[in-house]
């Protein structure tokens, strides 16, 4: 899979994981579910997540490599609600999620649990 495909997949996987997590937290109002989901999937927040994963030493070398490669891919899309660097980190986060979904679902769950406990 290309990095762009992993980003596309990671975006969808992460949103589903967040929605499932929020439903399990017994949030029942659709408006609240939507609002809280956006708090997780916004580029600024995803950028924060990946930086925390790096800063706290949570990622292994393979994961750090995929994040570095993801951060450095050329994008043909300009960011809407954030600066360019934040967008690059958010893309790297989505690539990491897509990579883990394809290769190690147990590790994906560990990363997700780390994120929701920030």
PDB file of N, CA and C in Angstrom:
ATOM      1  N   UNK A   1       0.836  -1.192   0.000  1.00  0.00           N
ATOM      2  CA  UNK A   1       0.000   0.000   0.000  1.00  0.00           C
ATOM      3  C   UNK A   1       0.872   1.244   0.000  1.00  0.00           C
ATOM      4  N   UNK A   2       0.444   2.237  -0.728  1.00  0.00           N
ATOM      5  CA  UNK A   2       1.174   3.504  -0.714  1.00  0.00           C
ATOM      6  C   UNK A   2       0.865   4.261   0.572  1.00  0.00           C
ATOM      7  N   UNK A   3       1.677   5.249   0.876  1.00  0.00           N
ATOM      8  CA  UNK A   3       1.438   6.066   2.063  1.00  0.00           C
ATOM      9  C   UNK A   3       0.113   6.808   1.961  1.00  0.00           C
ATOM     10  N   UNK A   4      -0.230   7.258   0.764  1.00  0.00           N
ATOM     11  CA  UNK A   4      -1.512   7.948   0.575  1.00  0.00           C
ATOM     12  C   UNK A   4      -2.678   7.007   0.852  1.00  0.00           C
ATOM     13  N   UNK A   5      -2.549   5.756   0.418  1.00  0.00           N
ATOM     14  CA  UNK A   5      -3.608   4.781   0.685  1.00  0.00           C
ATOM     15  C   UNK A   5      -3.703   4.477   2.180  1.00  0.00           C
ATOM     16  N   UNK A   6      -2.559   4.375   2.846  1.00  0.00           N
ATOM     17  CA  UNK A   6      -2.574   4.158   4.294  1.00  0.00           C
ATOM     18  C   UNK A   6      -3.219   5.332   5.019  1.00  0.00           C
ATOM     19  N   UNK A   7      -2.973   6.544   4.550  1.00  0.00           N
ATOM     20  CA  UNK A   7      -3.591   7.727   5.139  1.00  0.00           C
ATOM     21  C   UNK A   7      -5.107   7.684   4.963  1.00  0.00           C
ATOM     22  N   UNK A   8      -5.551   7.340   3.783  1.00  0.00           N
ATOM     23  CA  UNK A   8      -6.978   7.238   3.475  1.00  0.00           C
ATOM     24  C   UNK A   8      -7.631   6.194   4.389  1.00  0.00           C
ATOM     25  N   UNK A   9      -6.986   5.046   4.511  1.00  0.00           N
ATOM     26  CA  UNK A   9      -7.497   3.974   5.358  1.00  0.00           C
ATOM     27  C   UNK A   9      -7.451   4.376   6.834  1.00  0.00           C
ATOM     28  N   UNK A  10      -6.331   4.946   7.257  1.00  0.00           N
ATOM     29  CA  UNK A  10      -6.165   5.341   8.647  1.00  0.00           C
ATOM     30  C   UNK A  10      -7.184   6.366   9.093  1.00  0.00           C
ATOM     31  N   UNK A  11      -7.529   7.285   8.221  1.00  0.00           N
ATOM     32  CA  UNK A  11      -8.546   8.296   8.514  1.00  0.00           C
ATOM     33  C   UNK A  11      -9.879   7.619   8.843  1.00  0.00           C
ATOM     34  N   UNK A  12     -10.281   6.669   8.007  1.00  0.00           N
ATOM     35  CA  UNK A  12     -11.547   5.975   8.207  1.00  0.00           C
ATOM     36  C   UNK A  12     -11.518   5.091   9.452  1.00  0.00           C
ATOM     37  N   UNK A  13     -10.443   4.346   9.628  1.00  0.00           N
ATOM     38  CA  UNK A  13     -10.316   3.442  10.780  1.00  0.00           C
ATOM     39  C   UNK A  13     -10.367   4.231  12.082  1.00  0.00           C
ATOM     40  N   UNK A  14      -9.616   5.327  12.142  1.00  0.00           N
ATOM     41  CA  UNK A  14      -9.578   6.113  13.373  1.00  0.00           C
ATOM     42  C   UNK A  14     -10.957   6.685  13.698  1.00  0.00           C
ATOM     43  N   UNK A  15     -11.658   7.172  12.691  1.00  0.00           N
ATOM     44  CA  UNK A  15     -12.985   7.734  12.952  1.00  0.00           C
ATOM     45  C   UNK A  15     -13.937   6.666  13.473  1.00  0.00           C
ATOM     46  N   UNK A  16     -13.889   5.482  12.910  1.00  0.00           N
ATOM     47  CA  UNK A  16     -14.749   4.387  13.392  1.00  0.00           C
ATOM     48  C   UNK A  16     -14.379   4.024  14.833  1.00  0.00           C
ATOM     49  N   UNK A  17     -13.091   3.953  15.116  1.00  0.00           N
ATOM     50  CA  UNK A  17     -12.656   3.627  16.480  1.00  0.00           C
ATOM     51  C   UNK A  17     -13.141   4.680  17.479  1.00  0.00           C
ATOM     52  N   UNK A  18     -13.043   5.941  17.098  1.00  0.00           N
ATOM     53  CA  UNK A  18     -13.491   7.029  17.971  1.00  0.00           C
ATOM     54  C   UNK A  18     -14.997   6.936  18.185  1.00  0.00           C
ATOM     55  N   UNK A  19     -15.742   6.727  17.117  1.00  0.00           N
ATOM     56  CA  UNK A  19     -17.199   6.641  17.247  1.00  0.00           C
ATOM     57  C   UNK A  19     -17.603   5.473  18.141  1.00  0.00           C
ATOM     58  N   UNK A  20     -16.966   4.339  17.944  1.00  0.00           N
ATOM     59  CA  UNK A  20     -17.264   3.171  18.777  1.00  0.00           C
ATOM     60  C   UNK A  20     -16.919   3.457  20.242  1.00  0.00           C
ATOM     61  N   UNK A  21     -15.781   4.082  20.486  1.00  0.00           N
ATOM     62  CA  UNK A  21     -15.358   4.439  21.838  1.00  0.00           C
ATOM     63  C   UNK A  21     -16.381   5.363  22.503  1.00  0.00           C
ATOM     64  N   UNK A  22     -16.847   6.353  21.778  1.00  0.00           N
ATOM     65  CA  UNK A  22     -17.809   7.306  22.338  1.00  0.00           C
ATOM     66  C   UNK A  22     -19.148   6.636  22.636  1.00  0.00           C
ATOM     67  N   UNK A  23     -19.574   5.750  21.769  1.00  0.00           N
ATOM     68  CA  UNK A  23     -20.830   5.023  22.007  1.00  0.00           C
ATOM     69  C   UNK A  23     -20.680   4.137  23.245  1.00  0.00           C
ATOM     70  N   UNK A  24     -19.520   3.491  23.386  1.00  0.00           N
ATOM     71  CA  UNK A  24     -19.270   2.665  24.570  1.00  0.00           C
ATOM     72  C   UNK A  24     -19.232   3.499  25.851  1.00  0.00           C
ATOM     73  N   UNK A  25     -18.918   4.782  25.712  1.00  0.00           N
ATOM     74  CA  UNK A  25     -18.933   5.701  26.855  1.00  0.00           C
ATOM     75  C   UNK A  25     -20.356   6.158  27.178  1.00  0.00           C
ATOM     76  N   UNK A  26     -21.313   5.596  26.450  1.00  0.00           N
ATOM     77  CA  UNK A  26     -22.743   5.844  26.651  1.00  0.00           C
ATOM     78  C   UNK A  26     -23.176   7.272  26.311  1.00  0.00           C
ATOM     79  N   UNK A  27     -22.529   7.854  25.329  1.00  0.00           N
ATOM     80  CA  UNK A  27     -22.978   9.145  24.807  1.00  0.00           C
ATOM     81  C   UNK A  27     -24.073   8.821  23.792  1.00  0.00           C
ATOM     82  N   UNK A  28     -25.290   9.297  24.049  1.00  0.00           N
ATOM     83  CA  UNK A  28     -26.418   8.861  23.231  1.00  0.00           C
ATOM     84  C   UNK A  28     -26.931   9.925  22.266  1.00  0.00           C
ATOM     85  N   UNK A  29     -26.735  11.177  22.577  1.00  0.00           N
ATOM     86  CA  UNK A  29     -27.220  12.233  21.682  1.00  0.00           C
ATOM     87  C   UNK A  29     -26.314  12.328  20.461  1.00  0.00           C
ATOM     88  N   UNK A  30     -26.923  12.259  19.298  1.00  0.00           N
ATOM     89  CA  UNK A  30     -26.175  12.288  18.043  1.00  0.00           C
ATOM     90  C   UNK A  30     -25.347  13.561  17.931  1.00  0.00           C
ATOM     91  N   UNK A  31     -25.894  14.676  18.339  1.00  0.00           N
ATOM     92  CA  UNK A  31     -25.170  15.949  18.271  1.00  0.00           C
ATOM     93  C   UNK A  31     -23.907  15.891  19.135  1.00  0.00           C
ATOM     94  N   UNK A  32     -24.016  15.308  20.312  1.00  0.00           N
ATOM     95  CA  UNK A  32     -22.858  15.164  21.196  1.00  0.00           C
ATOM     96  C   UNK A  32     -21.836  14.203  20.592  1.00  0.00           C
ATOM     97  N   UNK A  33     -22.312  13.096  20.019  1.00  0.00           N
ATOM     98  CA  UNK A  33     -21.401  12.145  19.368  1.00  0.00           C
ATOM     99  C   UNK A  33     -20.605  12.837  18.270  1.00  0.00           C
ATOM    100  N   UNK A  34     -21.291  13.631  17.476  1.00  0.00           N
ATOM    101  CA  UNK A  34     -20.631  14.345  16.381  1.00  0.00           C
ATOM    102  C   UNK A  34     -19.608  15.337  16.923  1.00  0.00           C
ATOM    103  N   UNK A  35     -19.994  16.099  17.927  1.00  0.00           N
ATOM    104  CA  UNK A  35     -19.110  17.114  18.508  1.00  0.00           C
ATOM    105  C   UNK A  35     -17.852  16.471  19.093  1.00  0.00           C
ATOM    106  N   UNK A  36     -18.018  15.398  19.852  1.00  0.00           N
ATOM    107  CA  UNK A  36     -16.867  14.737  20.461  1.00  0.00           C
ATOM    108  C   UNK A  36     -16.002  14.025  19.428  1.00  0.00           C
ATOM    109  N   UNK A  37     -16.628  13.478  18.396  1.00  0.00           N
ATOM    110  CA  UNK A  37     -15.856  12.844  17.322  1.00  0.00           C
ATOM    111  C   UNK A  37     -14.944  13.869  16.664  1.00  0.00           C
ATOM    112  N   UNK A  38     -15.472  15.044  16.375  1.00  0.00           N
ATOM    113  CA  UNK A  38     -14.668  16.097  15.752  1.00  0.00           C
ATOM    114  C   UNK A  38     -13.490  16.505  16.632  1.00  0.00           C
ATOM    115  N   UNK A  39     -13.653  16.393  17.936  1.00  0.00           N
ATOM    116  CA  UNK A  39     -12.556  16.739  18.842  1.00  0.00           C
ATOM    117  C   UNK A  39     -11.383  15.767  18.684  1.00  0.00           C
ATOM    118  N   UNK A  40     -11.658  14.560  18.243  1.00  0.00           N
ATOM    119  CA  UNK A  40     -10.608  13.560  18.047  1.00  0.00           C
ATOM    120  C   UNK A  40     -10.022  13.586  16.636  1.00  0.00           C
ATOM    121  N   UNK A  41     -10.873  13.812  15.640  1.00  0.00           N
ATOM    122  CA  UNK A  41     -10.425  13.614  14.260  1.00  0.00           C
ATOM    123  C   UNK A  41      -9.931  14.890  13.581  1.00  0.00           C
ATOM    124  N   UNK A  42     -10.016  16.019  14.244  1.00  0.00           N
ATOM    125  CA  UNK A  42      -9.509  17.266  13.667  1.00  0.00           C
ATOM    126  C   UNK A  42      -7.996  17.183  13.484  1.00  0.00           C
ATOM    127  N   UNK A  43      -7.496  17.795  12.440  1.00  0.00           N
ATOM    128  CA  UNK A  43      -6.061  17.734  12.125  1.00  0.00           C
ATOM    129  C   UNK A  43      -5.203  18.226  13.293  1.00  0.00           C
ATOM    130  N   UNK A  44      -5.606  19.291  13.951  1.00  0.00           N
ATOM    131  CA  UNK A  44      -4.822  19.816  15.069  1.00  0.00           C
ATOM    132  C   UNK A  44      -4.707  18.778  16.186  1.00  0.00           C
ATOM    133  N   UNK A  45      -5.778  18.071  16.433  1.00  0.00           N
ATOM    134  CA  UNK A  45      -5.773  17.068  17.492  1.00  0.00           C
ATOM    135  C   UNK A  45      -4.939  15.850  17.084  1.00  0.00           C
ATOM    136  N   UNK A  46      -5.062  15.432  15.832  1.00  0.00           N
ATOM    137  CA  UNK A  46      -4.269  14.302  15.354  1.00  0.00           C
ATOM    138  C   UNK A  46      -2.782  14.630  15.386  1.00  0.00           C
ATOM    139  N   UNK A  47      -2.453  15.858  15.050  1.00  0.00           N
ATOM    140  CA  UNK A  47      -1.063  16.308  15.128  1.00  0.00           C
ATOM    141  C   UNK A  47      -0.572  16.225  16.571  1.00  0.00           C
ATOM    142  N   UNK A  48      -1.398  16.652  17.494  1.00  0.00           N
ATOM    143  CA  UNK A  48      -1.069  16.570  18.921  1.00  0.00           C
ATOM    144  C   UNK A  48      -0.849  15.117  19.337  1.00  0.00           C
ATOM    145  N   UNK A  49      -1.733  14.221  18.902  1.00  0.00           N
ATOM    146  CA  UNK A  49      -1.620  12.810  19.274  1.00  0.00           C
ATOM    147  C   UNK A  49      -0.287  12.221  18.829  1.00  0.00           C
ATOM    148  N   UNK A  50       0.081  12.444  17.581  1.00  0.00           N
ATOM    149  CA  UNK A  50       1.311  11.836  17.075  1.00  0.00           C
ATOM    150  C   UNK A  50       2.532  12.431  17.775  1.00  0.00           C
ATOM    151  N   UNK A  51       2.499  13.709  18.069  1.00  0.00           N
ATOM    152  CA  UNK A  51       3.618  14.324  18.792  1.00  0.00           C
ATOM    153  C   UNK A  51       3.742  13.765  20.207  1.00  0.00           C
ATOM    154  N   UNK A  52       2.616  13.515  20.866  1.00  0.00           N
ATOM    155  CA  UNK A  52       2.644  12.916  22.203  1.00  0.00           C
ATOM    156  C   UNK A  52       3.168  11.483  22.148  1.00  0.00           C
ATOM    157  N   UNK A  53       2.746  10.732  21.136  1.00  0.00           N
ATOM    158  CA  UNK A  53       3.248   9.366  20.971  1.00  0.00           C
ATOM    159  C   UNK A  53       4.767   9.363  20.819  1.00  0.00           C
ATOM    160  N   UNK A  54       5.273  10.343  20.076  1.00  0.00           N
ATOM    161  CA  UNK A  54       6.720  10.460  19.868  1.00  0.00           C
ATOM    162  C   UNK A  54       7.409  10.931  21.149  1.00  0.00           C
ATOM    163  N   UNK A  55       6.912  12.021  21.716  1.00  0.00           N
ATOM    164  CA  UNK A  55       7.548  12.626  22.892  1.00  0.00           C
ATOM    165  C   UNK A  55       7.580  11.691  24.100  1.00  0.00           C
ATOM    166  N   UNK A  56       6.559  10.882  24.248  1.00  0.00           N
ATOM    167  CA  UNK A  56       6.478   9.975  25.397  1.00  0.00           C
ATOM    168  C   UNK A  56       7.205   8.658  25.134  1.00  0.00           C
ATOM    169  N   UNK A  57       7.814   8.522  23.945  1.00  0.00           N
ATOM    170  CA  UNK A  57       8.567   7.315  23.623  1.00  0.00           C
ATOM    171  C   UNK A  57       7.700   6.084  23.457  1.00  0.00           C
ATOM    172  N   UNK A  58       6.457   6.278  23.060  1.00  0.00           N
ATOM    173  CA  UNK A  58       5.511   5.171  22.955  1.00  0.00           C
ATOM    174  C   UNK A  58       5.690   4.350  21.683  1.00  0.00           C
ATOM    175  N   UNK A  59       6.251   4.971  20.651  1.00  0.00           N
ATOM    176  CA  UNK A  59       6.367   4.292  19.357  1.00  0.00           C
ATOM    177  C   UNK A  59       7.690   3.543  19.240  1.00  0.00           C
ATOM    178  N   UNK A  60       7.642   2.385  18.582  1.00  0.00           N
ATOM    179  CA  UNK A  60       8.872   1.637  18.315  1.00  0.00           C
ATOM    180  C   UNK A  60       9.536   2.186  17.042  1.00  0.00           C
ATOM    181  N   UNK A  61      10.687   1.655  16.697  1.00  0.00           N
ATOM    182  CA  UNK A  61      11.447   2.180  15.550  1.00  0.00           C
ATOM    183  C   UNK A  61      10.682   2.080  14.228  1.00  0.00           C
ATOM    184  N   UNK A  62      10.006   0.961  13.993  1.00  0.00           N
ATOM    185  CA  UNK A  62       9.228   0.817  12.755  1.00  0.00           C
ATOM    186  C   UNK A  62       8.114   1.851  12.677  1.00  0.00           C
ATOM    187  N   UNK A  63       7.453   2.085  13.805  1.00  0.00           N
ATOM    188  CA  UNK A  63       6.371   3.068  13.851  1.00  0.00           C
ATOM    189  C   UNK A  63       6.908   4.484  13.671  1.00  0.00           C
ATOM    190  N   UNK A  64       8.038   4.785  14.302  1.00  0.00           N
ATOM    191  CA  UNK A  64       8.659   6.099  14.120  1.00  0.00           C
ATOM    192  C   UNK A  64       9.054   6.315  12.661  1.00  0.00           C
ATOM    193  N   UNK A  65       9.546   5.258  12.026  1.00  0.00           N
ATOM    194  CA  UNK A  65       9.924   5.351  10.624  1.00  0.00           C
ATOM    195  C   UNK A  65       8.714   5.651   9.746  1.00  0.00           C
ATOM    196  N   UNK A  66       7.609   4.981   9.990  1.00  0.00           N
ATOM    197  CA  UNK A  66       6.412   5.214   9.174  1.00  0.00           C
ATOM    198  C   UNK A  66       5.885   6.629   9.413  1.00  0.00           C
ATOM    199  N   UNK A  67       6.001   7.122  10.649  1.00  0.00           N
ATOM    200  CA  UNK A  67       5.578   8.501  10.943  1.00  0.00           C
ATOM    201  C   UNK A  67       6.480   9.495  10.217  1.00  0.00           C
ATOM    202  N   UNK A  68       7.788   9.274  10.252  1.00  0.00           N
ATOM    203  CA  UNK A  68       8.726  10.169   9.552  1.00  0.00           C
ATOM    204  C   UNK A  68       8.434  10.184   8.050  1.00  0.00           C
ATOM    205  N   UNK A  69       8.273   8.990   7.493  1.00  0.00           N
ATOM    206  CA  UNK A  69       7.974   8.906   6.058  1.00  0.00           C
ATOM    207  C   UNK A  69       6.637   9.579   5.738  1.00  0.00           C
ATOM    208  N   UNK A  70       5.660   9.362   6.599  1.00  0.00           N
ATOM    209  CA  UNK A  70       4.342   9.971   6.390  1.00  0.00           C
ATOM    210  C   UNK A  70       4.364  11.479   6.501  1.00  0.00           C
ATOM    211  N   UNK A  71       5.140  11.972   7.433  1.00  0.00           N
ATOM    212  CA  UNK A  71       5.248  13.420   7.621  1.00  0.00           C
ATOM    213  C   UNK A  71       5.888  14.089   6.408  1.00  0.00           C
ATOM    214  N   UNK A  72       6.734  13.339   5.702  1.00  0.00           N
ATOM    215  CA  UNK A  72       7.490  13.923   4.598  1.00  0.00           C
ATOM    216  C   UNK A  72       6.907  13.678   3.211  1.00  0.00           C
ATOM    217  N   UNK A  73       5.747  13.017   3.125  1.00  0.00           N
ATOM    218  CA  UNK A  73       5.190  12.794   1.785  1.00  0.00           C
ATOM    219  C   UNK A  73       4.685  14.100   1.202  1.00  0.00           C
ATOM    220  N   UNK A  74       4.718  14.162  -0.091  1.00  0.00           N
ATOM    221  CA  UNK A  74       4.196  15.337  -0.780  1.00  0.00           C
ATOM    222  C   UNK A  74       2.680  15.215  -0.845  1.00  0.00           C
ATOM    223  N   UNK A  75       2.011  16.289  -0.492  1.00  0.00           N
ATOM    224  CA  UNK A  75       0.552  16.299  -0.557  1.00  0.00           C
ATOM    225  C   UNK A  75       0.109  17.283  -1.624  1.00  0.00           C
ATOM    226  N   UNK A  76      -0.968  16.933  -2.274  1.00  0.00           N
ATOM    227  CA  UNK A  76      -1.511  17.794  -3.319  1.00  0.00           C
ATOM    228  C   UNK A  76      -2.702  18.593  -2.818  1.00  0.00           C
ATOM    229  N   UNK A  77      -2.945  18.450  -1.547  1.00  0.00           N
ATOM    230  CA  UNK A  77      -4.085  19.106  -0.937  1.00  0.00           C
ATOM    231  C   UNK A  77      -3.555  20.142   0.047  1.00  0.00           C
ATOM    232  N   UNK A  78      -4.159  21.317   0.063  1.00  0.00           N
ATOM    233  CA  UNK A  78      -3.723  22.315   1.039  1.00  0.00           C
ATOM    234  C   UNK A  78      -4.635  22.237   2.267  1.00  0.00           C
ATOM    235  N   UNK A  79      -4.057  22.433   3.432  1.00  0.00           N
ATOM    236  CA  UNK A  79      -4.857  22.337   4.652  1.00  0.00           C
ATOM    237  C   UNK A  79      -5.910  23.431   4.727  1.00  0.00           C
ATOM    238  N   UNK A  80      -7.065  23.083   5.321  1.00  0.00           N
ATOM    239  CA  UNK A  80      -8.158  24.051   5.431  1.00  0.00           C
ATOM    240  C   UNK A  80      -8.155  24.790   6.764  1.00  0.00           C
ATOM    241  N   UNK A  81      -8.078  24.039   7.843  1.00  0.00           N
ATOM    242  CA  UNK A  81      -8.259  24.649   9.159  1.00  0.00           C
ATOM    243  C   UNK A  81      -7.018  24.601  10.047  1.00  0.00           C
ATOM    244  N   UNK A  82      -5.856  24.465   9.426  1.00  0.00           N
ATOM    245  CA  UNK A  82      -4.626  24.423  10.210  1.00  0.00           C
ATOM    246  C   UNK A  82      -3.451  24.820   9.323  1.00  0.00           C
ATOM    247  N   UNK A  83      -2.314  24.999   9.958  1.00  0.00           N
ATOM    248  CA  UNK A  83      -1.119  25.341   9.192  1.00  0.00           C
ATOM    249  C   UNK A  83      -0.544  24.087   8.526  1.00  0.00           C
ATOM    250  N   UNK A  84       0.390  24.295   7.642  1.00  0.00           N
ATOM    251  CA  UNK A  84       0.953  23.220   6.828  1.00  0.00           C
ATOM    252  C   UNK A  84       1.652  22.148   7.671  1.00  0.00           C
ATOM    253  N   UNK A  85       2.413  22.552   8.669  1.00  0.00           N
ATOM    254  CA  UNK A  85       3.151  21.602   9.513  1.00  0.00           C
ATOM    255  C   UNK A  85       2.174  20.734  10.310  1.00  0.00           C
ATOM    256  N   UNK A  86       1.160  21.342  10.876  1.00  0.00           N
ATOM    257  CA  UNK A  86       0.139  20.589  11.611  1.00  0.00           C
ATOM    258  C   UNK A  86      -0.508  19.565  10.695  1.00  0.00           C
ATOM    259  N   UNK A  87      -0.803  19.964   9.476  1.00  0.00           N
ATOM    260  CA  UNK A  87      -1.417  19.063   8.499  1.00  0.00           C
ATOM    261  C   UNK A  87      -0.500  17.887   8.185  1.00  0.00           C
ATOM    262  N   UNK A  88       0.793  18.146   8.069  1.00  0.00           N
ATOM    263  CA  UNK A  88       1.750  17.075   7.788  1.00  0.00           C
ATOM    264  C   UNK A  88       1.789  16.057   8.932  1.00  0.00           C
ATOM    265  N   UNK A  89       1.773  16.541  10.168  1.00  0.00           N
ATOM    266  CA  UNK A  89       1.767  15.632  11.313  1.00  0.00           C
ATOM    267  C   UNK A  89       0.451  14.851  11.391  1.00  0.00           C
ATOM    268  N   UNK A  90      -0.657  15.503  11.082  1.00  0.00           N
ATOM    269  CA  UNK A  90      -1.954  14.812  11.075  1.00  0.00           C
ATOM    270  C   UNK A  90      -1.966  13.714  10.019  1.00  0.00           C
ATOM    271  N   UNK A  91      -1.394  13.990   8.863  1.00  0.00           N
ATOM    272  CA  UNK A  91      -1.287  12.979   7.809  1.00  0.00           C
ATOM    273  C   UNK A  91      -0.422  11.816   8.275  1.00  0.00           C
ATOM    274  N   UNK A  92       0.685  12.122   8.941  1.00  0.00           N
ATOM    275  CA  UNK A  92       1.559  11.081   9.473  1.00  0.00           C
ATOM    276  C   UNK A  92       0.805  10.218  10.487  1.00  0.00           C
ATOM    277  N   UNK A  93      -0.037  10.847  11.298  1.00  0.00           N
ATOM    278  CA  UNK A  93      -0.841  10.108  12.262  1.00  0.00           C
ATOM    279  C   UNK A  93      -1.789   9.143  11.555  1.00  0.00           C
ATOM    280  N   UNK A  94      -2.474   9.624  10.531  1.00  0.00           N
ATOM    281  CA  UNK A  94      -3.400   8.772   9.782  1.00  0.00           C
ATOM    282  C   UNK A  94      -2.664   7.609   9.120  1.00  0.00           C
ATOM    283  N   UNK A  95      -1.474   7.867   8.618  1.00  0.00           N
ATOM    284  CA  UNK A  95      -0.670   6.809   8.001  1.00  0.00           C
ATOM    285  C   UNK A  95      -0.289   5.767   9.052  1.00  0.00           C
ATOM    286  N   UNK A  96       0.097   6.224  10.240  1.00  0.00           N
ATOM    287  CA  UNK A  96       0.419   5.300  11.323  1.00  0.00           C
ATOM    288  C   UNK A  96      -0.785   4.418  11.649  1.00  0.00           C
ATOM    289  N   UNK A  97      -1.958   5.011  11.758  1.00  0.00           N
ATOM    290  CA  UNK A  97      -3.165   4.245  12.077  1.00  0.00           C
ATOM    291  C   UNK A  97      -3.455   3.232  10.971  1.00  0.00           C
ATOM    292  N   UNK A  98      -3.349   3.648   9.718  1.00  0.00           N
ATOM    293  CA  UNK A  98      -3.563   2.730   8.594  1.00  0.00           C
ATOM    294  C   UNK A  98      -2.546   1.603   8.591  1.00  0.00           C
ATOM    295  N   UNK A  99      -1.294   1.934   8.854  1.00  0.00           N
ATOM    296  CA  UNK A  99      -0.216   0.945   8.911  1.00  0.00           C
ATOM    297  C   UNK A  99      -0.487  -0.088  10.006  1.00  0.00           C
ATOM    298  N   UNK A 100      -0.852   0.383  11.186  1.00  0.00           N
ATOM    299  CA  UNK A 100      -1.115  -0.537  12.289  1.00  0.00           C
ATOM    300  C   UNK A 100      -2.364  -1.379  12.031  1.00  0.00           C
ATOM    301  N   UNK A 101      -3.359  -0.791  11.407  1.00  0.00           N
ATOM    302  CA  UNK A 101      -4.572  -1.544  11.081  1.00  0.00           C
ATOM    303  C   UNK A 101      -4.245  -2.705  10.145  1.00  0.00           C
ATOM    304  N   UNK A 102      -3.384  -2.464   9.188  1.00  0.00           N
ATOM    305  CA  UNK A 102      -3.017  -3.516   8.230  1.00  0.00           C
ATOM    306  C   UNK A 102      -2.060  -4.539   8.828  1.00  0.00           C
ATOM    307  N   UNK A 103      -1.228  -4.135   9.782  1.00  0.00           N
ATOM    308  CA  UNK A 103      -0.134  -4.999  10.233  1.00  0.00           C
ATOM    309  C   UNK A 103      -0.211  -5.513  11.662  1.00  0.00           C
ATOM    310  N   UNK A 104      -0.873  -4.782  12.550  1.00  0.00           N
ATOM    311  CA  UNK A 104      -0.843  -5.184  13.955  1.00  0.00           C
ATOM    312  C   UNK A 104      -2.010  -4.551  14.717  1.00  0.00           C
ATOM    313  N   UNK A 105      -3.159  -5.207  14.674  1.00  0.00           N
ATOM    314  CA  UNK A 105      -4.358  -4.647  15.313  1.00  0.00           C
ATOM    315  C   UNK A 105      -4.219  -4.561  16.836  1.00  0.00           C
ATOM    316  N   UNK A 106      -3.459  -5.477  17.419  1.00  0.00           N
ATOM    317  CA  UNK A 106      -3.232  -5.403  18.871  1.00  0.00           C
ATOM    318  C   UNK A 106      -2.492  -4.110  19.212  1.00  0.00           C
ATOM    319  N   UNK A 107      -1.469  -3.805  18.439  1.00  0.00           N
ATOM    320  CA  UNK A 107      -0.706  -2.569  18.667  1.00  0.00           C
ATOM    321  C   UNK A 107      -1.570  -1.340  18.369  1.00  0.00           C
ATOM    322  N   UNK A 108      -2.416  -1.428  17.365  1.00  0.00           N
ATOM    323  CA  UNK A 108      -3.341  -0.336  17.057  1.00  0.00           C
ATOM    324  C   UNK A 108      -4.199  -0.033  18.279  1.00  0.00           C
ATOM    325  N   UNK A 109      -4.709  -1.059  18.925  1.00  0.00           N
ATOM    326  CA  UNK A 109      -5.526  -0.848  20.122  1.00  0.00           C
ATOM    327  C   UNK A 109      -4.709  -0.250  21.257  1.00  0.00           C
ATOM    328  N   UNK A 110      -3.447  -0.638  21.385  1.00  0.00           N
ATOM    329  CA  UNK A 110      -2.585  -0.046  22.404  1.00  0.00           C
ATOM    330  C   UNK A 110      -2.388   1.445  22.148  1.00  0.00           C
ATOM    331  N   UNK A 111      -2.150   1.795  20.890  1.00  0.00           N
ATOM    332  CA  UNK A 111      -1.977   3.208  20.522  1.00  0.00           C
ATOM    333  C   UNK A 111      -3.273   3.976  20.787  1.00  0.00           C
ATOM    334  N   UNK A 112      -4.393   3.389  20.400  1.00  0.00           N
ATOM    335  CA  UNK A 112      -5.678   4.065  20.619  1.00  0.00           C
ATOM    336  C   UNK A 112      -5.936   4.282  22.116  1.00  0.00           C
ATOM    337  N   UNK A 113      -5.656   3.273  22.919  1.00  0.00           N
ATOM    338  CA  UNK A 113      -5.860   3.418  24.368  1.00  0.00           C
ATOM    339  C   UNK A 113      -4.958   4.494  24.962  1.00  0.00           C
ATOM    340  N   UNK A 114      -3.728   4.597  24.447  1.00  0.00           N
ATOM    341  CA  UNK A 114      -2.838   5.673  24.875  1.00  0.00           C
ATOM    342  C   UNK A 114      -3.462   7.037  24.562  1.00  0.00           C
ATOM    343  N   UNK A 115      -3.985   7.153  23.352  1.00  0.00           N
ATOM    344  CA  UNK A 115      -4.550   8.425  22.886  1.00  0.00           C
ATOM    345  C   UNK A 115      -5.753   8.851  23.728  1.00  0.00           C
ATOM    346  N   UNK A 116      -6.666   7.931  23.971  1.00  0.00           N
ATOM    347  CA  UNK A 116      -7.882   8.321  24.706  1.00  0.00           C
ATOM    348  C   UNK A 116      -7.596   8.613  26.175  1.00  0.00           C
ATOM    349  N   UNK A 117      -6.419   8.244  26.630  1.00  0.00           N
ATOM    350  CA  UNK A 117      -6.045   8.538  28.013  1.00  0.00           C
ATOM    351  C   UNK A 117      -5.158   9.771  28.152  1.00  0.00           C
ATOM    352  N   UNK A 118      -4.973  10.508  27.068  1.00  0.00           N
ATOM    353  CA  UNK A 118      -4.184  11.745  27.142  1.00  0.00           C
ATOM    354  C   UNK A 118      -4.984  12.822  27.855  1.00  0.00           C
TER     355      UNK A 118
END
